[in-house]
Amino acid sequence: MANRTYEVMYIIDPETDGEKIEKLNDAVGKLIAKEGGEVVRMDDIGMRDLAYPIQKKKEGHYVLFEISGSGQEIAELERRMRVNDMILRYITVRVDEDRKKADKIRSKREARAAKRARFRQTDETPAEAQAEA
């Protein structure tokens, strides 16, 4: 199966101490590796205000993982997050298709800019010749 890129963000209960948060993040990384995926990037964002109260809590500890894998590891990861009491919310987004589209748009934009730059160079050459005459 093809390798896909996912972003998994989860919010941990703000009353959880730092050591448990670190253990949870390590466990998530190990689970992903065990299931055949690869952790590309892990950002421990820290405490942030929630958009709305969840279980009467107004803030949470945010963690973002970027994962490369087949999708099997995501299914297992979500199953475990669903039953974990420390995790208030989680979301998984597949981002590889969006990045391909963004790269295609970026390359078109750069090609258009290069074409305009070539046009401007040829357009400026006669004007410079007239200024010198």
N, C-alpha and C. Protein backbone atom coordinates (compact mmCIF):
# COMPACT_ATOMS: atom_id res chain seq x y z
N MET A 1 0.84 -1.19 0.00
CA MET A 1 0.00 0.00 0.00
C MET A 1 0.88 1.25 0.00
N ALA A 2 0.38 2.31 -0.58
CA ALA A 2 1.16 3.54 -0.71
C ALA A 2 1.33 4.24 0.63
N ASN A 3 2.45 4.92 0.77
CA ASN A 3 2.69 5.71 1.97
C ASN A 3 1.89 7.00 1.90
N ARG A 4 1.19 7.29 2.94
CA ARG A 4 0.39 8.50 3.03
C ARG A 4 0.88 9.31 4.22
N THR A 5 0.56 10.59 4.19
CA THR A 5 0.97 11.47 5.28
C THR A 5 -0.28 11.93 6.03
N TYR A 6 -0.24 11.82 7.35
CA TYR A 6 -1.35 12.21 8.20
C TYR A 6 -0.86 13.18 9.27
N GLU A 7 -1.76 14.04 9.70
CA GLU A 7 -1.51 14.86 10.88
C GLU A 7 -2.52 14.43 11.94
N VAL A 8 -2.03 14.10 13.10
CA VAL A 8 -2.88 13.70 14.22
C VAL A 8 -2.65 14.71 15.34
N MET A 9 -3.72 15.38 15.74
CA MET A 9 -3.64 16.32 16.85
C MET A 9 -4.58 15.83 17.95
N TYR A 10 -4.08 15.88 19.17
CA TYR A 10 -4.95 15.52 20.28
C TYR A 10 -4.75 16.51 21.42
N ILE A 11 -5.82 16.62 22.22
CA ILE A 11 -5.83 17.54 23.36
C ILE A 11 -5.88 16.70 24.63
N ILE A 12 -4.92 16.95 25.51
CA ILE A 12 -4.81 16.20 26.76
C ILE A 12 -5.41 17.04 27.89
N ASP A 13 -6.02 16.36 28.82
CA ASP A 13 -6.60 17.00 30.02
C ASP A 13 -5.55 17.90 30.67
N PRO A 14 -5.90 19.17 30.98
CA PRO A 14 -4.92 20.11 31.55
C PRO A 14 -4.44 19.73 32.95
N GLU A 15 -5.16 18.86 33.64
CA GLU A 15 -4.77 18.47 34.99
C GLU A 15 -3.75 17.34 35.01
N THR A 16 -3.40 16.82 33.83
CA THR A 16 -2.42 15.75 33.73
C THR A 16 -1.02 16.33 33.92
N ASP A 17 -0.19 15.67 34.73
CA ASP A 17 1.15 16.20 34.97
C ASP A 17 2.07 15.92 33.77
N GLY A 18 3.17 16.66 33.68
CA GLY A 18 4.08 16.64 32.56
C GLY A 18 4.69 15.28 32.27
N GLU A 19 4.97 14.53 33.33
CA GLU A 19 5.59 13.21 33.16
C GLU A 19 4.64 12.25 32.43
N LYS A 20 3.35 12.28 32.79
CA LYS A 20 2.38 11.42 32.14
C LYS A 20 2.19 11.83 30.68
N ILE A 21 2.23 13.12 30.42
CA ILE A 21 2.10 13.61 29.04
C ILE A 21 3.27 13.11 28.20
N GLU A 22 4.46 13.17 28.77
CA GLU A 22 5.65 12.70 28.06
C GLU A 22 5.56 11.19 27.78
N LYS A 23 5.10 10.43 28.77
CA LYS A 23 4.94 8.98 28.58
C LYS A 23 3.91 8.69 27.49
N LEU A 24 2.81 9.45 27.48
CA LEU A 24 1.77 9.25 26.47
C LEU A 24 2.32 9.53 25.08
N ASN A 25 3.08 10.62 24.92
CA ASN A 25 3.66 10.96 23.62
C ASN A 25 4.64 9.89 23.17
N ASP A 26 5.45 9.36 24.09
CA ASP A 26 6.38 8.28 23.75
C ASP A 26 5.61 7.02 23.33
N ALA A 27 4.53 6.73 24.05
CA ALA A 27 3.73 5.54 23.74
C ALA A 27 3.10 5.67 22.35
N VAL A 28 2.65 6.87 22.01
CA VAL A 28 2.06 7.09 20.68
C VAL A 28 3.13 6.88 19.61
N GLY A 29 4.32 7.43 19.82
CA GLY A 29 5.41 7.25 18.86
C GLY A 29 5.79 5.79 18.69
N LYS A 30 5.86 5.05 19.80
CA LYS A 30 6.21 3.62 19.73
C LYS A 30 5.11 2.82 19.03
N LEU A 31 3.86 3.16 19.29
CA LEU A 31 2.74 2.46 18.66
C LEU A 31 2.79 2.66 17.14
N ILE A 32 3.05 3.86 16.72
CA ILE A 32 3.13 4.15 15.28
C ILE A 32 4.26 3.35 14.64
N ALA A 33 5.42 3.33 15.29
CA ALA A 33 6.57 2.56 14.76
C ALA A 33 6.25 1.07 14.74
N LYS A 34 5.59 0.58 15.78
CA LYS A 34 5.26 -0.85 15.87
C LYS A 34 4.30 -1.27 14.77
N GLU A 35 3.37 -0.39 14.42
CA GLU A 35 2.37 -0.70 13.40
C GLU A 35 2.90 -0.48 11.98
N GLY A 36 4.14 -0.01 11.85
CA GLY A 36 4.74 0.11 10.52
C GLY A 36 4.79 1.53 9.99
N GLY A 37 4.41 2.51 10.77
CA GLY A 37 4.46 3.89 10.34
C GLY A 37 5.74 4.57 10.78
N GLU A 38 5.85 5.85 10.46
CA GLU A 38 7.03 6.63 10.83
C GLU A 38 6.57 8.01 11.30
N VAL A 39 7.11 8.42 12.43
CA VAL A 39 6.82 9.76 12.94
C VAL A 39 7.75 10.73 12.23
N VAL A 40 7.16 11.59 11.40
CA VAL A 40 7.94 12.57 10.65
C VAL A 40 8.27 13.75 11.55
N ARG A 41 7.27 14.20 12.31
CA ARG A 41 7.45 15.36 13.17
C ARG A 41 6.51 15.24 14.37
N MET A 42 6.97 15.71 15.52
CA MET A 42 6.14 15.72 16.72
C MET A 42 6.30 17.08 17.39
N ASP A 43 5.20 17.81 17.50
CA ASP A 43 5.21 19.12 18.14
C ASP A 43 4.37 19.07 19.41
N ASP A 44 5.00 19.33 20.53
CA ASP A 44 4.28 19.46 21.79
C ASP A 44 3.97 20.94 21.94
N ILE A 45 2.78 21.33 21.54
CA ILE A 45 2.41 22.74 21.46
C ILE A 45 2.22 23.34 22.84
N GLY A 46 1.72 22.57 23.79
CA GLY A 46 1.56 23.05 25.15
C GLY A 46 0.14 23.46 25.46
N MET A 47 0.00 24.21 26.55
CA MET A 47 -1.33 24.62 27.02
C MET A 47 -1.88 25.74 26.16
N ARG A 48 -3.14 25.56 25.74
CA ARG A 48 -3.85 26.56 24.95
C ARG A 48 -5.30 26.59 25.43
N ASP A 49 -5.94 27.73 25.23
CA ASP A 49 -7.37 27.84 25.53
C ASP A 49 -8.16 27.04 24.50
N LEU A 50 -9.22 26.40 24.95
CA LEU A 50 -10.10 25.66 24.06
C LEU A 50 -11.10 26.63 23.43
N ALA A 51 -11.60 26.31 22.26
CA ALA A 51 -12.59 27.14 21.59
C ALA A 51 -13.92 27.11 22.35
N TYR A 52 -14.18 25.99 23.00
CA TYR A 52 -15.39 25.82 23.80
C TYR A 52 -15.07 24.85 24.92
N PRO A 53 -15.78 24.93 26.04
CA PRO A 53 -15.48 24.03 27.16
C PRO A 53 -15.74 22.56 26.79
N ILE A 54 -14.81 21.70 27.21
CA ILE A 54 -14.94 20.26 27.04
C ILE A 54 -14.83 19.65 28.43
N GLN A 55 -15.86 18.95 28.85
CA GLN A 55 -15.92 18.36 30.19
C GLN A 55 -15.62 19.41 31.26
N LYS A 56 -16.18 20.60 31.10
CA LYS A 56 -16.06 21.74 32.01
C LYS A 56 -14.62 22.26 32.14
N LYS A 57 -13.80 21.99 31.14
CA LYS A 57 -12.42 22.50 31.12
C LYS A 57 -12.30 23.54 30.03
N LYS A 58 -11.58 24.60 30.32
CA LYS A 58 -11.46 25.71 29.38
C LYS A 58 -10.12 25.74 28.65
N GLU A 59 -9.18 24.89 29.05
CA GLU A 59 -7.90 24.82 28.34
C GLU A 59 -7.44 23.37 28.28
N GLY A 60 -6.46 23.12 27.39
CA GLY A 60 -5.95 21.77 27.23
C GLY A 60 -4.52 21.80 26.72
N HIS A 61 -3.86 20.67 26.81
CA HIS A 61 -2.47 20.52 26.35
C HIS A 61 -2.52 19.91 24.95
N TYR A 62 -2.05 20.66 23.95
CA TYR A 62 -2.12 20.24 22.56
C TYR A 62 -0.84 19.53 22.13
N VAL A 63 -0.99 18.46 21.34
CA VAL A 63 0.14 17.73 20.76
C VAL A 63 -0.20 17.42 19.30
N LEU A 64 0.78 17.64 18.41
CA LEU A 64 0.59 17.39 16.99
C LEU A 64 1.65 16.40 16.50
N PHE A 65 1.20 15.34 15.84
CA PHE A 65 2.09 14.35 15.22
C PHE A 65 1.89 14.41 13.71
N GLU A 66 2.98 14.37 12.97
CA GLU A 66 2.90 14.16 11.52
C GLU A 66 3.43 12.75 11.28
N ILE A 67 2.59 11.92 10.65
CA ILE A 67 2.87 10.50 10.51
C ILE A 67 2.87 10.11 9.04
N SER A 68 3.83 9.29 8.66
CA SER A 68 3.88 8.73 7.32
C SER A 68 3.64 7.23 7.45
N GLY A 69 2.64 6.73 6.74
CA GLY A 69 2.34 5.31 6.86
C GLY A 69 1.23 4.87 5.94
N SER A 70 0.76 3.66 6.15
CA SER A 70 -0.24 3.06 5.27
C SER A 70 -1.68 3.33 5.70
N GLY A 71 -1.89 3.68 6.94
CA GLY A 71 -3.24 3.90 7.46
C GLY A 71 -3.60 2.89 8.54
N GLN A 72 -2.92 1.75 8.56
CA GLN A 72 -3.17 0.74 9.59
C GLN A 72 -2.88 1.31 10.97
N GLU A 73 -1.77 2.04 11.08
CA GLU A 73 -1.37 2.59 12.37
C GLU A 73 -2.37 3.65 12.85
N ILE A 74 -2.99 4.36 11.93
CA ILE A 74 -3.96 5.39 12.30
C ILE A 74 -5.19 4.74 12.92
N ALA A 75 -5.64 3.65 12.35
CA ALA A 75 -6.82 2.95 12.89
C ALA A 75 -6.55 2.48 14.33
N GLU A 76 -5.39 1.90 14.56
CA GLU A 76 -5.05 1.43 15.90
C GLU A 76 -4.87 2.61 16.86
N LEU A 77 -4.24 3.67 16.39
CA LEU A 77 -4.02 4.85 17.22
C LEU A 77 -5.34 5.48 17.65
N GLU A 78 -6.26 5.63 16.71
CA GLU A 78 -7.57 6.20 17.04
C GLU A 78 -8.35 5.31 18.00
N ARG A 79 -8.23 4.00 17.83
CA ARG A 79 -8.92 3.07 18.74
C ARG A 79 -8.43 3.28 20.16
N ARG A 80 -7.11 3.42 20.31
CA ARG A 80 -6.56 3.61 21.66
C ARG A 80 -6.87 4.99 22.23
N MET A 81 -6.93 6.00 21.38
CA MET A 81 -7.25 7.35 21.86
C MET A 81 -8.69 7.43 22.35
N ARG A 82 -9.57 6.67 21.71
CA ARG A 82 -10.98 6.69 22.09
C ARG A 82 -11.20 6.22 23.52
N VAL A 83 -10.37 5.29 24.00
CA VAL A 83 -10.56 4.74 25.34
C VAL A 83 -9.63 5.36 26.38
N ASN A 84 -8.76 6.27 25.98
CA ASN A 84 -7.82 6.90 26.91
C ASN A 84 -8.50 8.08 27.61
N ASP A 85 -8.51 8.07 28.94
CA ASP A 85 -9.18 9.11 29.71
C ASP A 85 -8.44 10.45 29.69
N MET A 86 -7.14 10.42 29.44
CA MET A 86 -6.36 11.66 29.44
C MET A 86 -6.66 12.51 28.20
N ILE A 87 -7.06 11.88 27.10
CA ILE A 87 -7.28 12.59 25.84
C ILE A 87 -8.72 13.08 25.77
N LEU A 88 -8.86 14.40 25.68
CA LEU A 88 -10.19 15.01 25.60
C LEU A 88 -10.76 14.90 24.18
N ARG A 89 -9.94 15.27 23.18
CA ARG A 89 -10.35 15.23 21.79
C ARG A 89 -9.15 14.87 20.93
N TYR A 90 -9.43 14.30 19.75
CA TYR A 90 -8.37 14.03 18.78
C TYR A 90 -8.95 14.20 17.38
N ILE A 91 -8.08 14.47 16.44
CA ILE A 91 -8.49 14.56 15.04
C ILE A 91 -7.33 14.07 14.18
N THR A 92 -7.68 13.36 13.11
CA THR A 92 -6.69 12.87 12.15
C THR A 92 -7.07 13.40 10.78
N VAL A 93 -6.09 13.97 10.09
CA VAL A 93 -6.31 14.53 8.76
C VAL A 93 -5.25 13.98 7.81
N ARG A 94 -5.69 13.51 6.66
CA ARG A 94 -4.74 13.06 5.63
C ARG A 94 -4.33 14.29 4.83
N VAL A 95 -3.04 14.58 4.80
CA VAL A 95 -2.57 15.83 4.20
C VAL A 95 -1.75 15.65 2.92
N ASP A 96 -1.45 14.42 2.50
CA ASP A 96 -0.59 14.24 1.34
C ASP A 96 -1.24 14.74 0.05
N GLU A 97 -2.53 14.51 -0.14
CA GLU A 97 -3.21 14.99 -1.35
C GLU A 97 -3.23 16.51 -1.39
N ASP A 98 -3.50 17.13 -0.25
CA ASP A 98 -3.52 18.60 -0.20
C ASP A 98 -2.15 19.18 -0.51
N ARG A 99 -1.10 18.53 -0.02
CA ARG A 99 0.25 19.02 -0.29
C ARG A 99 0.62 18.87 -1.75
N LYS A 100 0.16 17.79 -2.39
CA LYS A 100 0.41 17.62 -3.82
C LYS A 100 -0.25 18.73 -4.61
N LYS A 101 -1.50 19.05 -4.26
CA LYS A 101 -2.21 20.13 -4.94
C LYS A 101 -1.50 21.46 -4.73
N ALA A 102 -1.06 21.72 -3.50
CA ALA A 102 -0.36 22.96 -3.21
C ALA A 102 0.96 23.06 -3.97
N ASP A 103 1.68 21.94 -4.09
CA ASP A 103 2.94 21.93 -4.85
C ASP A 103 2.68 22.21 -6.33
N LYS A 104 1.60 21.64 -6.86
CA LYS A 104 1.27 21.86 -8.26
C LYS A 104 0.93 23.33 -8.50
N ILE A 105 0.14 23.92 -7.62
CA ILE A 105 -0.22 25.33 -7.75
C ILE A 105 1.02 26.21 -7.62
N ARG A 106 1.89 25.88 -6.67
CA ARG A 106 3.12 26.65 -6.47
C ARG A 106 4.01 26.60 -7.71
N SER A 107 4.15 25.40 -8.31
CA SER A 107 5.00 25.27 -9.49
C SER A 107 4.42 26.05 -10.67
N LYS A 108 3.09 26.04 -10.83
CA LYS A 108 2.47 26.84 -11.89
C LYS A 108 2.71 28.32 -11.66
N ARG A 109 2.57 28.75 -10.42
CA ARG A 109 2.77 30.16 -10.08
C ARG A 109 4.21 30.58 -10.36
N GLU A 110 5.17 29.73 -10.00
CA GLU A 110 6.58 30.04 -10.25
C GLU A 110 6.89 30.07 -11.74
N ALA A 111 6.31 29.15 -12.52
CA ALA A 111 6.52 29.15 -13.97
C ALA A 111 5.96 30.41 -14.60
N ARG A 112 4.79 30.83 -14.14
CA ARG A 112 4.18 32.06 -14.65
C ARG A 112 5.03 33.28 -14.31
N ALA A 113 5.56 33.31 -13.08
CA ALA A 113 6.42 34.43 -12.66
C ALA A 113 7.71 34.46 -13.48
N ALA A 114 8.27 33.29 -13.76
CA ALA A 114 9.49 33.23 -14.58
C ALA A 114 9.20 33.70 -16.00
N LYS A 115 8.05 33.32 -16.53
CA LYS A 115 7.67 33.76 -17.88
C LYS A 115 7.51 35.28 -17.92
N ARG A 116 6.88 35.85 -16.91
CA ARG A 116 6.72 37.31 -16.84
C ARG A 116 8.07 38.02 -16.73
N ALA A 117 8.97 37.43 -15.94
CA ALA A 117 10.30 38.02 -15.77
C ALA A 117 11.05 38.01 -17.11
N ARG A 118 10.93 36.93 -17.88
CA ARG A 118 11.57 36.88 -19.21
C ARG A 118 10.97 37.94 -20.12
N PHE A 119 9.65 38.08 -20.06
CA PHE A 119 8.96 39.07 -20.91
C PHE A 119 9.42 40.48 -20.54
N ARG A 120 9.55 40.77 -19.28
CA ARG A 120 9.99 42.11 -18.84
C ARG A 120 11.41 42.39 -19.28
N GLN A 121 12.27 41.38 -19.25
CA GLN A 121 13.67 41.58 -19.67
C GLN A 121 13.72 41.92 -21.15
N THR A 122 12.97 41.23 -21.98
CA THR A 122 12.99 41.52 -23.42
C THR A 122 12.30 42.84 -23.70
N ASP A 123 11.32 43.20 -22.90
CA ASP A 123 10.60 44.46 -23.08
C ASP A 123 11.49 45.64 -22.70
N GLU A 124 12.32 45.49 -21.69
CA GLU A 124 13.17 46.58 -21.23
C GLU A 124 14.36 46.80 -22.15
N THR A 125 14.79 45.82 -22.90
CA THR A 125 15.97 45.94 -23.75
C THR A 125 15.80 47.04 -24.81
N PRO A 126 14.70 47.16 -25.56
CA PRO A 126 14.57 48.24 -26.53
C PRO A 126 14.54 49.62 -25.86
N ALA A 127 13.95 49.71 -24.69
CA ALA A 127 13.89 51.00 -24.00
C ALA A 127 15.30 51.45 -23.60
N GLU A 128 16.11 50.51 -23.16
CA GLU A 128 17.48 50.84 -22.80
C GLU A 128 18.25 51.27 -24.03
N ALA A 129 17.99 50.65 -25.15
CA ALA A 129 18.68 51.00 -26.40
C ALA A 129 18.31 52.42 -26.82
N GLN A 130 17.05 52.82 -26.66
CA GLN A 130 16.63 54.17 -27.02
C GLN A 130 17.25 55.20 -26.07
N ALA A 131 17.39 54.85 -24.81
CA ALA A 131 17.97 55.77 -23.83
C ALA A 131 19.44 56.03 -24.15
N GLU A 132 20.13 55.02 -24.67
CA GLU A 132 21.54 55.19 -24.98
C GLU A 132 21.74 55.97 -26.28
N ALA A 133 20.78 55.98 -27.19
CA ALA A 133 20.93 56.65 -28.49
C ALA A 133 20.78 58.13 -28.43
